[in-house]
Amino acid sequence: MINQTLSKTHEKRKLDRFNLEIPAKVEVTTLDQEKEIFDLLTSDICAGGAFFHTSQPLPEGTTVKIDLILSLGKLKELKDDFKHAHIEVAGTVLRSESAGMAICFNEDYQIHPYKAEAVTRH
């Protein structure tokens, strides 16, 4: 009986999740059309979204733009000496709690190789 319960719980999640701390810049546009950017780390990430630990979670339903920076330094097959990948994705805050917020990623995203340390959104 316990195994059946565990299996049903695992079946609810369609995408594999990983406990990775990936640096991210989360951008939100305020009602005054001002842009606020938060430097956060991901946790519990998958292709569909991630949890971001923060003491200032955004309200549920907030639309955000996210820049994720993946380190590629340990991959031996890299060409052109790129050390990082820059992933641009938009999303929506699904859940806010005292420890942070869960953001669902939109399906459209862009991945760019880059060498620079700083990431700036176009």
PDB file of N, CA and C in Angstrom:
ATOM      1  N   MET A   1       0.819  -1.194   0.000  1.00  0.00           N
ATOM      2  CA  MET A   1       0.000   0.000   0.000  1.00  0.00           C
ATOM      3  C   MET A   1       0.863   1.258   0.000  1.00  0.00           C
ATOM      4  N   ILE A   2       1.951   1.275   0.807  1.00  0.00           N
ATOM      5  CA  ILE A   2       2.825   2.438   0.864  1.00  0.00           C
ATOM      6  C   ILE A   2       3.490   2.655  -0.489  1.00  0.00           C
ATOM      7  N   ASN A   3       3.949   1.595  -1.149  1.00  0.00           N
ATOM      8  CA  ASN A   3       4.593   1.737  -2.453  1.00  0.00           C
ATOM      9  C   ASN A   3       3.645   2.337  -3.486  1.00  0.00           C
ATOM     10  N   GLN A   4       2.371   1.956  -3.448  1.00  0.00           N
ATOM     11  CA  GLN A   4       1.399   2.521  -4.377  1.00  0.00           C
ATOM     12  C   GLN A   4       1.211   4.012  -4.123  1.00  0.00           C
ATOM     13  N   THR A   5       1.199   4.418  -2.853  1.00  0.00           N
ATOM     14  CA  THR A   5       1.055   5.832  -2.516  1.00  0.00           C
ATOM     15  C   THR A   5       2.264   6.621  -3.006  1.00  0.00           C
ATOM     16  N   LEU A   6       3.468   6.108  -2.797  1.00  0.00           N
ATOM     17  CA  LEU A   6       4.676   6.785  -3.255  1.00  0.00           C
ATOM     18  C   LEU A   6       4.694   6.902  -4.774  1.00  0.00           C
ATOM     19  N   SER A   7       4.299   5.848  -5.469  1.00  0.00           N
ATOM     20  CA  SER A   7       4.282   5.878  -6.928  1.00  0.00           C
ATOM     21  C   SER A   7       3.328   6.942  -7.442  1.00  0.00           C
ATOM     22  N   LYS A   8       2.165   7.069  -6.840  1.00  0.00           N
ATOM     23  CA  LYS A   8       1.196   8.062  -7.274  1.00  0.00           C
ATOM     24  C   LYS A   8       1.733   9.475  -7.044  1.00  0.00           C
ATOM     25  N   THR A   9       2.455   9.672  -5.937  1.00  0.00           N
ATOM     26  CA  THR A   9       3.031  10.980  -5.657  1.00  0.00           C
ATOM     27  C   THR A   9       4.071  11.335  -6.705  1.00  0.00           C
ATOM     28  N   HIS A  10       4.943  10.391  -7.063  1.00  0.00           N
ATOM     29  CA  HIS A  10       5.980  10.656  -8.047  1.00  0.00           C
ATOM     30  C   HIS A  10       5.403  10.855  -9.446  1.00  0.00           C
ATOM     31  N   GLU A  11       4.267  10.241  -9.749  1.00  0.00           N
ATOM     32  CA  GLU A  11       3.661  10.371 -11.071  1.00  0.00           C
ATOM     33  C   GLU A  11       3.109  11.764 -11.312  1.00  0.00           C
ATOM     34  N   LYS A  12       2.812  12.532 -10.266  1.00  0.00           N
ATOM     35  CA  LYS A  12       2.258  13.877 -10.430  1.00  0.00           C
ATOM     36  C   LYS A  12       3.252  14.798 -11.122  1.00  0.00           C
ATOM     37  N   ARG A  13       4.532  14.592 -10.876  1.00  0.00           N
ATOM     38  CA  ARG A  13       5.550  15.421 -11.496  1.00  0.00           C
ATOM     39  C   ARG A  13       5.967  14.783 -12.811  1.00  0.00           C
ATOM     40  N   LYS A  14       5.794  15.543 -13.896  1.00  0.00           N
ATOM     41  CA  LYS A  14       6.079  15.015 -15.223  1.00  0.00           C
ATOM     42  C   LYS A  14       7.540  15.184 -15.608  1.00  0.00           C
ATOM     43  N   LEU A  15       8.245  16.130 -14.982  1.00  0.00           N
ATOM     44  CA  LEU A  15       9.617  16.435 -15.347  1.00  0.00           C
ATOM     45  C   LEU A  15      10.561  16.135 -14.183  1.00  0.00           C
ATOM     46  N   ASP A  16      11.736  15.612 -14.501  1.00  0.00           N
ATOM     47  CA  ASP A  16      12.730  15.351 -13.466  1.00  0.00           C
ATOM     48  C   ASP A  16      13.202  16.657 -12.859  1.00  0.00           C
ATOM     49  N   ARG A  17      13.360  16.667 -11.545  1.00  0.00           N
ATOM     50  CA  ARG A  17      13.811  17.863 -10.840  1.00  0.00           C
ATOM     51  C   ARG A  17      15.210  17.624 -10.287  1.00  0.00           C
ATOM     52  N   PHE A  18      15.964  18.719 -10.205  1.00  0.00           N
ATOM     53  CA  PHE A  18      17.337  18.648  -9.731  1.00  0.00           C
ATOM     54  C   PHE A  18      17.557  19.723  -8.674  1.00  0.00           C
ATOM     55  N   ASN A  19      18.255  19.373  -7.616  1.00  0.00           N
ATOM     56  CA  ASN A  19      18.557  20.323  -6.553  1.00  0.00           C
ATOM     57  C   ASN A  19      19.857  21.042  -6.910  1.00  0.00           C
ATOM     58  N   LEU A  20      19.765  21.991  -7.851  1.00  0.00           N
ATOM     59  CA  LEU A  20      20.922  22.737  -8.329  1.00  0.00           C
ATOM     60  C   LEU A  20      20.806  24.201  -7.942  1.00  0.00           C
ATOM     61  N   GLU A  21      21.906  24.761  -7.478  1.00  0.00           N
ATOM     62  CA  GLU A  21      21.962  26.196  -7.214  1.00  0.00           C
ATOM     63  C   GLU A  21      22.559  26.870  -8.438  1.00  0.00           C
ATOM     64  N   ILE A  22      21.704  27.470  -9.245  1.00  0.00           N
ATOM     65  CA  ILE A  22      22.124  28.146 -10.471  1.00  0.00           C
ATOM     66  C   ILE A  22      21.884  29.642 -10.283  1.00  0.00           C
ATOM     67  N   PRO A  23      22.924  30.471 -10.499  1.00  0.00           N
ATOM     68  CA  PRO A  23      22.732  31.911 -10.374  1.00  0.00           C
ATOM     69  C   PRO A  23      21.683  32.405 -11.370  1.00  0.00           C
ATOM     70  N   ALA A  24      20.826  33.299 -10.903  1.00  0.00           N
ATOM     71  CA  ALA A  24      19.749  33.818 -11.748  1.00  0.00           C
ATOM     72  C   ALA A  24      19.502  35.288 -11.449  1.00  0.00           C
ATOM     73  N   LYS A  25      19.152  36.013 -12.484  1.00  0.00           N
ATOM     74  CA  LYS A  25      18.664  37.383 -12.344  1.00  0.00           C
ATOM     75  C   LYS A  25      17.181  37.333 -12.688  1.00  0.00           C
ATOM     76  N   VAL A  26      16.349  37.682 -11.726  1.00  0.00           N
ATOM     77  CA  VAL A  26      14.900  37.682 -11.917  1.00  0.00           C
ATOM     78  C   VAL A  26      14.457  39.130 -12.027  1.00  0.00           C
ATOM     79  N   GLU A  27      13.868  39.465 -13.178  1.00  0.00           N
ATOM     80  CA  GLU A  27      13.454  40.840 -13.457  1.00  0.00           C
ATOM     81  C   GLU A  27      11.937  40.932 -13.449  1.00  0.00           C
ATOM     82  N   VAL A  28      11.444  41.955 -12.757  1.00  0.00           N
ATOM     83  CA  VAL A  28      10.013  42.211 -12.715  1.00  0.00           C
ATOM     84  C   VAL A  28       9.794  43.690 -13.032  1.00  0.00           C
ATOM     85  N   THR A  29       8.726  43.984 -13.758  1.00  0.00           N
ATOM     86  CA  THR A  29       8.356  45.365 -14.059  1.00  0.00           C
ATOM     87  C   THR A  29       7.239  45.765 -13.108  1.00  0.00           C
ATOM     88  N   THR A  30       7.455  46.860 -12.383  1.00  0.00           N
ATOM     89  CA  THR A  30       6.468  47.311 -11.403  1.00  0.00           C
ATOM     90  C   THR A  30       5.311  48.026 -12.094  1.00  0.00           C
ATOM     91  N   LEU A  31       4.293  48.379 -11.327  1.00  0.00           N
ATOM     92  CA  LEU A  31       3.141  49.111 -11.870  1.00  0.00           C
ATOM     93  C   LEU A  31       3.551  50.474 -12.427  1.00  0.00           C
ATOM     94  N   ASP A  32       4.632  51.032 -11.900  1.00  0.00           N
ATOM     95  CA  ASP A  32       5.149  52.322 -12.381  1.00  0.00           C
ATOM     96  C   ASP A  32       6.073  52.150 -13.583  1.00  0.00           C
ATOM     97  N   GLN A  33       6.106  50.947 -14.149  1.00  0.00           N
ATOM     98  CA  GLN A  33       6.968  50.617 -15.289  1.00  0.00           C
ATOM     99  C   GLN A  33       8.460  50.681 -14.953  1.00  0.00           C
ATOM    100  N   GLU A  34       8.794  50.580 -13.670  1.00  0.00           N
ATOM    101  CA  GLU A  34      10.183  50.497 -13.232  1.00  0.00           C
ATOM    102  C   GLU A  34      10.589  49.028 -13.225  1.00  0.00           C
ATOM    103  N   LYS A  35      11.852  48.768 -13.552  1.00  0.00           N
ATOM    104  CA  LYS A  35      12.342  47.391 -13.540  1.00  0.00           C
ATOM    105  C   LYS A  35      13.116  47.139 -12.258  1.00  0.00           C
ATOM    106  N   GLU A  36      12.789  46.034 -11.591  1.00  0.00           N
ATOM    107  CA  GLU A  36      13.527  45.593 -10.413  1.00  0.00           C
ATOM    108  C   GLU A  36      14.192  44.279 -10.771  1.00  0.00           C
ATOM    109  N   ILE A  37      15.456  44.124 -10.386  1.00  0.00           N
ATOM    110  CA  ILE A  37      16.189  42.892 -10.666  1.00  0.00           C
ATOM    111  C   ILE A  37      16.676  42.308  -9.355  1.00  0.00           C
ATOM    112  N   PHE A  38      16.416  41.016  -9.168  1.00  0.00           N
ATOM    113  CA  PHE A  38      16.827  40.292  -7.975  1.00  0.00           C
ATOM    114  C   PHE A  38      17.878  39.256  -8.369  1.00  0.00           C
ATOM    115  N   ASP A  39      19.010  39.238  -7.675  1.00  0.00           N
ATOM    116  CA  ASP A  39      20.030  38.207  -7.870  1.00  0.00           C
ATOM    117  C   ASP A  39      19.713  37.071  -6.917  1.00  0.00           C
ATOM    118  N   LEU A  40      19.306  35.920  -7.474  1.00  0.00           N
ATOM    119  CA  LEU A  40      18.869  34.788  -6.671  1.00  0.00           C
ATOM    120  C   LEU A  40      19.575  33.507  -7.115  1.00  0.00           C
ATOM    121  N   LEU A  41      19.345  32.446  -6.375  1.00  0.00           N
ATOM    122  CA  LEU A  41      19.816  31.109  -6.739  1.00  0.00           C
ATOM    123  C   LEU A  41      18.613  30.189  -6.881  1.00  0.00           C
ATOM    124  N   THR A  42      18.686  29.289  -7.841  1.00  0.00           N
ATOM    125  CA  THR A  42      17.608  28.309  -8.001  1.00  0.00           C
ATOM    126  C   THR A  42      17.818  27.156  -7.018  1.00  0.00           C
ATOM    127  N   SER A  43      16.769  26.398  -6.844  1.00  0.00           N
ATOM    128  CA  SER A  43      16.834  25.083  -6.207  1.00  0.00           C
ATOM    129  C   SER A  43      15.631  24.323  -6.744  1.00  0.00           C
ATOM    130  N   ASP A  44      15.684  23.025  -6.663  1.00  0.00           N
ATOM    131  CA  ASP A  44      14.559  22.215  -7.132  1.00  0.00           C
ATOM    132  C   ASP A  44      14.123  22.675  -8.526  1.00  0.00           C
ATOM    133  N   ILE A  45      15.040  22.587  -9.496  1.00  0.00           N
ATOM    134  CA  ILE A  45      14.795  23.101 -10.844  1.00  0.00           C
ATOM    135  C   ILE A  45      14.507  21.966 -11.819  1.00  0.00           C
ATOM    136  N   CYS A  46      13.663  22.246 -12.796  1.00  0.00           N
ATOM    137  CA  CYS A  46      13.397  21.313 -13.892  1.00  0.00           C
ATOM    138  C   CYS A  46      13.140  22.160 -15.137  1.00  0.00           C
ATOM    139  N   ALA A  47      12.873  21.527 -16.242  1.00  0.00           N
ATOM    140  CA  ALA A  47      12.628  22.254 -17.491  1.00  0.00           C
ATOM    141  C   ALA A  47      11.382  23.134 -17.395  1.00  0.00           C
ATOM    142  N   GLY A  48      10.481  22.840 -16.479  1.00  0.00           N
ATOM    143  CA  GLY A  48       9.235  23.593 -16.372  1.00  0.00           C
ATOM    144  C   GLY A  48       9.233  24.717 -15.357  1.00  0.00           C
ATOM    145  N   GLY A  49      10.274  24.795 -14.509  1.00  0.00           N
ATOM    146  CA  GLY A  49      10.298  25.849 -13.505  1.00  0.00           C
ATOM    147  C   GLY A  49      11.319  25.583 -12.425  1.00  0.00           C
ATOM    148  N   ALA A  50      11.314  26.462 -11.423  1.00  0.00           N
ATOM    149  CA  ALA A  50      12.275  26.334 -10.330  1.00  0.00           C
ATOM    150  C   ALA A  50      11.751  27.039  -9.094  1.00  0.00           C
ATOM    151  N   PHE A  51      12.358  26.682  -7.968  1.00  0.00           N
ATOM    152  CA  PHE A  51      12.096  27.392  -6.725  1.00  0.00           C
ATOM    153  C   PHE A  51      13.271  28.328  -6.498  1.00  0.00           C
ATOM    154  N   PHE A  52      12.986  29.572  -6.100  1.00  0.00           N
ATOM    155  CA  PHE A  52      14.000  30.576  -5.845  1.00  0.00           C
ATOM    156  C   PHE A  52      13.899  30.991  -4.383  1.00  0.00           C
ATOM    157  N   HIS A  53      14.968  30.771  -3.616  1.00  0.00           N
ATOM    158  CA  HIS A  53      14.979  31.193  -2.215  1.00  0.00           C
ATOM    159  C   HIS A  53      15.166  32.700  -2.144  1.00  0.00           C
ATOM    160  N   THR A  54      14.281  33.376  -1.432  1.00  0.00           N
ATOM    161  CA  THR A  54      14.366  34.821  -1.247  1.00  0.00           C
ATOM    162  C   THR A  54      13.530  35.225  -0.048  1.00  0.00           C
ATOM    163  N   SER A  55      13.974  36.267   0.619  1.00  0.00           N
ATOM    164  CA  SER A  55      13.190  36.803   1.740  1.00  0.00           C
ATOM    165  C   SER A  55      12.142  37.791   1.235  1.00  0.00           C
ATOM    166  N   GLN A  56      12.171  38.094  -0.090  1.00  0.00           N
ATOM    167  CA  GLN A  56      11.213  39.026  -0.691  1.00  0.00           C
ATOM    168  C   GLN A  56      10.493  38.363  -1.867  1.00  0.00           C
ATOM    169  N   PRO A  57       9.700  37.310  -1.614  1.00  0.00           N
ATOM    170  CA  PRO A  57       9.017  36.654  -2.733  1.00  0.00           C
ATOM    171  C   PRO A  57       8.006  37.586  -3.390  1.00  0.00           C
ATOM    172  N   LEU A  58       7.864  37.419  -4.692  1.00  0.00           N
ATOM    173  CA  LEU A  58       6.895  38.216  -5.453  1.00  0.00           C
ATOM    174  C   LEU A  58       5.504  37.604  -5.309  1.00  0.00           C
ATOM    175  N   PRO A  59       4.463  38.387  -5.510  1.00  0.00           N
ATOM    176  CA  PRO A  59       3.099  37.866  -5.404  1.00  0.00           C
ATOM    177  C   PRO A  59       2.798  36.813  -6.486  1.00  0.00           C
ATOM    178  N   GLU A  60       1.944  35.879  -6.146  1.00  0.00           N
ATOM    179  CA  GLU A  60       1.507  34.877  -7.120  1.00  0.00           C
ATOM    180  C   GLU A  60       0.893  35.569  -8.323  1.00  0.00           C
ATOM    181  N   GLY A  61       1.185  35.051  -9.520  1.00  0.00           N
ATOM    182  CA  GLY A  61       0.667  35.623 -10.745  1.00  0.00           C
ATOM    183  C   GLY A  61       1.573  36.666 -11.377  1.00  0.00           C
ATOM    184  N   THR A  62       2.644  37.068 -10.682  1.00  0.00           N
ATOM    185  CA  THR A  62       3.576  38.053 -11.223  1.00  0.00           C
ATOM    186  C   THR A  62       4.343  37.458 -12.398  1.00  0.00           C
ATOM    187  N   THR A  63       4.427  38.214 -13.482  1.00  0.00           N
ATOM    188  CA  THR A  63       5.190  37.800 -14.659  1.00  0.00           C
ATOM    189  C   THR A  63       6.619  38.302 -14.511  1.00  0.00           C
ATOM    190  N   VAL A  64       7.590  37.445 -14.809  1.00  0.00           N
ATOM    191  CA  VAL A  64       8.995  37.794 -14.655  1.00  0.00           C
ATOM    192  C   VAL A  64       9.797  37.379 -15.884  1.00  0.00           C
ATOM    193  N   LYS A  65      10.974  37.990 -16.024  1.00  0.00           N
ATOM    194  CA  LYS A  65      11.970  37.560 -16.992  1.00  0.00           C
ATOM    195  C   LYS A  65      13.144  37.043 -16.187  1.00  0.00           C
ATOM    196  N   ILE A  66      13.740  35.940 -16.642  1.00  0.00           N
ATOM    197  CA  ILE A  66      14.805  35.304 -15.878  1.00  0.00           C
ATOM    198  C   ILE A  66      16.009  35.063 -16.770  1.00  0.00           C
ATOM    199  N   ASP A  67      17.187  35.385 -16.239  1.00  0.00           N
ATOM    200  CA  ASP A  67      18.456  35.052 -16.870  1.00  0.00           C
ATOM    201  C   ASP A  67      19.130  34.026 -15.974  1.00  0.00           C
ATOM    202  N   LEU A  68      19.362  32.831 -16.496  1.00  0.00           N
ATOM    203  CA  LEU A  68      20.074  31.780 -15.777  1.00  0.00           C
ATOM    204  C   LEU A  68      21.473  31.667 -16.357  1.00  0.00           C
ATOM    205  N   ILE A  69      22.464  31.472 -15.512  1.00  0.00           N
ATOM    206  CA  ILE A  69      23.842  31.351 -15.960  1.00  0.00           C
ATOM    207  C   ILE A  69      24.352  29.964 -15.574  1.00  0.00           C
ATOM    208  N   LEU A  70      24.599  29.128 -16.583  1.00  0.00           N
ATOM    209  CA  LEU A  70      25.096  27.775 -16.343  1.00  0.00           C
ATOM    210  C   LEU A  70      26.586  27.725 -16.595  1.00  0.00           C
ATOM    211  N   SER A  71      27.334  27.190 -15.662  1.00  0.00           N
ATOM    212  CA  SER A  71      28.771  27.025 -15.841  1.00  0.00           C
ATOM    213  C   SER A  71      29.019  25.787 -16.688  1.00  0.00           C
ATOM    214  N   LEU A  72      29.833  25.936 -17.725  1.00  0.00           N
ATOM    215  CA  LEU A  72      30.143  24.828 -18.628  1.00  0.00           C
ATOM    216  C   LEU A  72      31.615  24.432 -18.548  1.00  0.00           C
ATOM    217  N   GLY A  73      32.322  24.974 -17.600  1.00  0.00           N
ATOM    218  CA  GLY A  73      33.765  24.800 -17.501  1.00  0.00           C
ATOM    219  C   GLY A  73      34.258  23.370 -17.462  1.00  0.00           C
ATOM    220  N   LYS A  74      33.484  22.453 -16.947  1.00  0.00           N
ATOM    221  CA  LYS A  74      33.947  21.071 -16.809  1.00  0.00           C
ATOM    222  C   LYS A  74      33.635  20.195 -18.019  1.00  0.00           C
ATOM    223  N   LEU A  75      32.932  20.733 -19.009  1.00  0.00           N
ATOM    224  CA  LEU A  75      32.615  19.959 -20.205  1.00  0.00           C
ATOM    225  C   LEU A  75      33.808  19.961 -21.148  1.00  0.00           C
ATOM    226  N   LYS A  76      34.309  18.805 -21.508  1.00  0.00           N
ATOM    227  CA  LYS A  76      35.506  18.698 -22.342  1.00  0.00           C
ATOM    228  C   LYS A  76      35.218  18.907 -23.819  1.00  0.00           C
ATOM    229  N   GLU A  77      33.986  18.746 -24.253  1.00  0.00           N
ATOM    230  CA  GLU A  77      33.640  18.838 -25.667  1.00  0.00           C
ATOM    231  C   GLU A  77      33.389  20.264 -26.142  1.00  0.00           C
ATOM    232  N   LEU A  78      33.607  21.261 -25.301  1.00  0.00           N
ATOM    233  CA  LEU A  78      33.300  22.641 -25.663  1.00  0.00           C
ATOM    234  C   LEU A  78      34.198  23.152 -26.773  1.00  0.00           C
ATOM    235  N   LYS A  79      33.598  23.916 -27.668  1.00  0.00           N
ATOM    236  CA  LYS A  79      34.339  24.579 -28.730  1.00  0.00           C
ATOM    237  C   LYS A  79      34.313  26.079 -28.460  1.00  0.00           C
ATOM    238  N   ASP A  80      35.206  26.811 -29.073  1.00  0.00           N
ATOM    239  CA  ASP A  80      35.239  28.274 -29.015  1.00  0.00           C
ATOM    240  C   ASP A  80      35.466  28.824 -27.613  1.00  0.00           C
ATOM    241  N   ASP A  81      35.918  27.997 -26.679  1.00  0.00           N
ATOM    242  CA  ASP A  81      36.313  28.455 -25.346  1.00  0.00           C
ATOM    243  C   ASP A  81      35.189  29.128 -24.552  1.00  0.00           C
ATOM    244  N   PHE A  82      33.933  28.762 -24.787  1.00  0.00           N
ATOM    245  CA  PHE A  82      32.838  29.317 -23.998  1.00  0.00           C
ATOM    246  C   PHE A  82      32.793  28.609 -22.653  1.00  0.00           C
ATOM    247  N   LYS A  83      32.688  29.383 -21.589  1.00  0.00           N
ATOM    248  CA  LYS A  83      32.708  28.832 -20.233  1.00  0.00           C
ATOM    249  C   LYS A  83      31.338  28.798 -19.574  1.00  0.00           C
ATOM    250  N   HIS A  84      30.362  29.489 -20.181  1.00  0.00           N
ATOM    251  CA  HIS A  84      29.028  29.573 -19.594  1.00  0.00           C
ATOM    252  C   HIS A  84      27.964  29.523 -20.682  1.00  0.00           C
ATOM    253  N   ALA A  85      26.753  29.225 -20.256  1.00  0.00           N
ATOM    254  CA  ALA A  85      25.584  29.341 -21.132  1.00  0.00           C
ATOM    255  C   ALA A  85      24.609  30.301 -20.460  1.00  0.00           C
ATOM    256  N   HIS A  86      24.037  31.176 -21.247  1.00  0.00           N
ATOM    257  CA  HIS A  86      23.077  32.157 -20.755  1.00  0.00           C
ATOM    258  C   HIS A  86      21.703  31.732 -21.269  1.00  0.00           C
ATOM    259  N   ILE A  87      20.795  31.447 -20.364  1.00  0.00           N
ATOM    260  CA  ILE A  87      19.441  31.039 -20.730  1.00  0.00           C
ATOM    261  C   ILE A  87      18.492  32.176 -20.373  1.00  0.00           C
ATOM    262  N   GLU A  88      17.745  32.649 -21.375  1.00  0.00           N
ATOM    263  CA  GLU A  88      16.727  33.688 -21.170  1.00  0.00           C
ATOM    264  C   GLU A  88      15.363  33.023 -21.233  1.00  0.00           C
ATOM    265  N   VAL A  89      14.567  33.214 -20.192  1.00  0.00           N
ATOM    266  CA  VAL A  89      13.242  32.614 -20.148  1.00  0.00           C
ATOM    267  C   VAL A  89      12.307  33.542 -19.368  1.00  0.00           C
ATOM    268  N   ALA A  90      11.057  33.532 -19.720  1.00  0.00           N
ATOM    269  CA  ALA A  90      10.036  34.271 -18.971  1.00  0.00           C
ATOM    270  C   ALA A  90       9.235  33.266 -18.157  1.00  0.00           C
ATOM    271  N   GLY A  91       8.520  33.750 -17.166  1.00  0.00           N
ATOM    272  CA  GLY A  91       7.730  32.845 -16.349  1.00  0.00           C
ATOM    273  C   GLY A  91       6.737  33.592 -15.484  1.00  0.00           C
ATOM    274  N   THR A  92       6.030  32.814 -14.672  1.00  0.00           N
ATOM    275  CA  THR A  92       5.003  33.351 -13.786  1.00  0.00           C
ATOM    276  C   THR A  92       5.177  32.751 -12.398  1.00  0.00           C
ATOM    277  N   VAL A  93       5.061  33.588 -11.374  1.00  0.00           N
ATOM    278  CA  VAL A  93       5.147  33.107  -9.998  1.00  0.00           C
ATOM    279  C   VAL A  93       3.897  32.281  -9.697  1.00  0.00           C
ATOM    280  N   LEU A  94       4.104  31.014  -9.380  1.00  0.00           N
ATOM    281  CA  LEU A  94       2.977  30.117  -9.061  1.00  0.00           C
ATOM    282  C   LEU A  94       2.668  30.076  -7.570  1.00  0.00           C
ATOM    283  N   ARG A  95       3.740  30.190  -6.764  1.00  0.00           N
ATOM    284  CA  ARG A  95       3.560  30.054  -5.312  1.00  0.00           C
ATOM    285  C   ARG A  95       4.572  30.943  -4.607  1.00  0.00           C
ATOM    286  N   SER A  96       4.112  31.672  -3.601  1.00  0.00           N
ATOM    287  CA  SER A  96       4.991  32.483  -2.758  1.00  0.00           C
ATOM    288  C   SER A  96       4.835  32.015  -1.328  1.00  0.00           C
ATOM    289  N   GLU A  97       5.957  31.940  -0.629  1.00  0.00           N
ATOM    290  CA  GLU A  97       5.950  31.550   0.776  1.00  0.00           C
ATOM    291  C   GLU A  97       7.110  32.261   1.464  1.00  0.00           C
ATOM    292  N   SER A  98       7.228  32.123   2.752  1.00  0.00           N
ATOM    293  CA  SER A  98       8.256  32.869   3.486  1.00  0.00           C
ATOM    294  C   SER A  98       9.676  32.508   3.049  1.00  0.00           C
ATOM    295  N   ALA A  99       9.894  31.295   2.567  1.00  0.00           N
ATOM    296  CA  ALA A  99      11.235  30.864   2.161  1.00  0.00           C
ATOM    297  C   ALA A  99      11.583  31.250   0.722  1.00  0.00           C
ATOM    298  N   GLY A 100      10.591  31.638  -0.072  1.00  0.00           N
ATOM    299  CA  GLY A 100      10.875  31.991  -1.464  1.00  0.00           C
ATOM    300  C   GLY A 100       9.653  31.859  -2.347  1.00  0.00           C
ATOM    301  N   MET A 101       9.930  31.571  -3.649  1.00  0.00           N
ATOM    302  CA  MET A 101       8.825  31.492  -4.609  1.00  0.00           C
ATOM    303  C   MET A 101       9.108  30.442  -5.673  1.00  0.00           C
ATOM    304  N   ALA A 102       8.032  29.826  -6.159  1.00  0.00           N
ATOM    305  CA  ALA A 102       8.114  28.876  -7.262  1.00  0.00           C
ATOM    306  C   ALA A 102       7.680  29.593  -8.523  1.00  0.00           C
ATOM    307  N   ILE A 103       8.521  29.494  -9.562  1.00  0.00           N
ATOM    308  CA  ILE A 103       8.225  30.154 -10.830  1.00  0.00           C
ATOM    309  C   ILE A 103       8.116  29.107 -11.925  1.00  0.00           C
ATOM    310  N   CYS A 104       7.025  29.164 -12.668  1.00  0.00           N
ATOM    311  CA  CYS A 104       6.791  28.279 -13.814  1.00  0.00           C
ATOM    312  C   CYS A 104       7.374  28.955 -15.048  1.00  0.00           C
ATOM    313  N   PHE A 105       8.245  28.246 -15.787  1.00  0.00           N
ATOM    314  CA  PHE A 105       8.855  28.805 -16.992  1.00  0.00           C
ATOM    315  C   PHE A 105       7.914  28.699 -18.176  1.00  0.00           C
ATOM    316  N   ASN A 106       7.930  29.712 -19.049  1.00  0.00           N
ATOM    317  CA  ASN A 106       7.233  29.626 -20.329  1.00  0.00           C
ATOM    318  C   ASN A 106       7.999  28.661 -21.228  1.00  0.00           C
ATOM    319  N   GLU A 107       7.333  28.160 -22.247  1.00  0.00           N
ATOM    320  CA  GLU A 107       7.981  27.187 -23.125  1.00  0.00           C
ATOM    321  C   GLU A 107       8.979  27.814 -24.081  1.00  0.00           C
ATOM    322  N   ASP A 108       8.847  29.098 -24.367  1.00  0.00           N
ATOM    323  CA  ASP A 108       9.809  29.733 -25.267  1.00  0.00           C
ATOM    324  C   ASP A 108      10.979  30.280 -24.448  1.00  0.00           C
ATOM    325  N   TYR A 109      12.179  29.969 -24.879  1.00  0.00           N
ATOM    326  CA  TYR A 109      13.383  30.404 -24.197  1.00  0.00           C
ATOM    327  C   TYR A 109      14.504  30.497 -25.219  1.00  0.00           C
ATOM    328  N   GLN A 110      15.592  31.123 -24.832  1.00  0.00           N
ATOM    329  CA  GLN A 110      16.760  31.224 -25.694  1.00  0.00           C
ATOM    330  C   GLN A 110      17.984  30.835 -24.889  1.00  0.00           C
ATOM    331  N   ILE A 111      18.907  30.121 -25.538  1.00  0.00           N
ATOM    332  CA  ILE A 111      20.170  29.749 -24.915  1.00  0.00           C
ATOM    333  C   ILE A 111      21.295  30.329 -25.766  1.00  0.00           C
ATOM    334  N   HIS A 112      22.218  31.044 -25.097  1.00  0.00           N
ATOM    335  CA  HIS A 112      23.339  31.664 -25.782  1.00  0.00           C
ATOM    336  C   HIS A 112      24.635  31.281 -25.078  1.00  0.00           C
ATOM    337  N   PRO A 113      25.654  30.866 -25.811  1.00  0.00           N
ATOM    338  CA  PRO A 113      26.963  30.705 -25.177  1.00  0.00           C
ATOM    339  C   PRO A 113      27.573  32.090 -24.966  1.00  0.00           C
ATOM    340  N   TYR A 114      28.359  32.249 -23.900  1.00  0.00           N
ATOM    341  CA  TYR A 114      29.027  33.533 -23.691  1.00  0.00           C
ATOM    342  C   TYR A 114      30.261  33.357 -22.833  1.00  0.00           C
ATOM    343  N   LYS A 115      31.143  34.308 -22.944  1.00  0.00           N
ATOM    344  CA  LYS A 115      32.397  34.288 -22.202  1.00  0.00           C
ATOM    345  C   LYS A 115      32.386  35.283 -21.038  1.00  0.00           C
ATOM    346  N   ALA A 116      31.623  36.356 -21.178  1.00  0.00           N
ATOM    347  CA  ALA A 116      31.653  37.435 -20.192  1.00  0.00           C
ATOM    348  C   ALA A 116      31.077  36.980 -18.862  1.00  0.00           C
ATOM    349  N   GLU A 117      31.530  37.641 -17.807  1.00  0.00           N
ATOM    350  CA  GLU A 117      31.043  37.331 -16.465  1.00  0.00           C
ATOM    351  C   GLU A 117      29.667  37.932 -16.208  1.00  0.00           C
ATOM    352  N   ALA A 118      29.434  39.140 -16.713  1.00  0.00           N
ATOM    353  CA  ALA A 118      28.152  39.824 -16.475  1.00  0.00           C
ATOM    354  C   ALA A 118      27.168  39.491 -17.576  1.00  0.00           C
ATOM    355  N   VAL A 119      25.900  39.361 -17.198  1.00  0.00           N
ATOM    356  CA  VAL A 119      24.844  39.102 -18.158  1.00  0.00           C
ATOM    357  C   VAL A 119      23.940  40.323 -18.195  1.00  0.00           C
ATOM    358  N   THR A 120      23.688  40.816 -19.400  1.00  0.00           N
ATOM    359  CA  THR A 120      22.755  41.918 -19.552  1.00  0.00           C
ATOM    360  C   THR A 120      21.669  41.506 -20.513  1.00  0.00           C
ATOM    361  N   ARG A 121      20.432  41.783 -20.163  1.00  0.00           N
ATOM    362  CA  ARG A 121      19.289  41.428 -21.003  1.00  0.00           C
ATOM    363  C   ARG A 121      19.125  42.509 -22.067  1.00  0.00           C
ATOM    364  N   HIS A 122      18.851  42.100 -23.322  1.00  0.00           N
ATOM    365  CA  HIS A 122      18.662  43.043 -24.419  1.00  0.00           C
ATOM    366  C   HIS A 122      17.286  43.642 -24.341  1.00  0.00           C
TER     367      HIS A 122
END
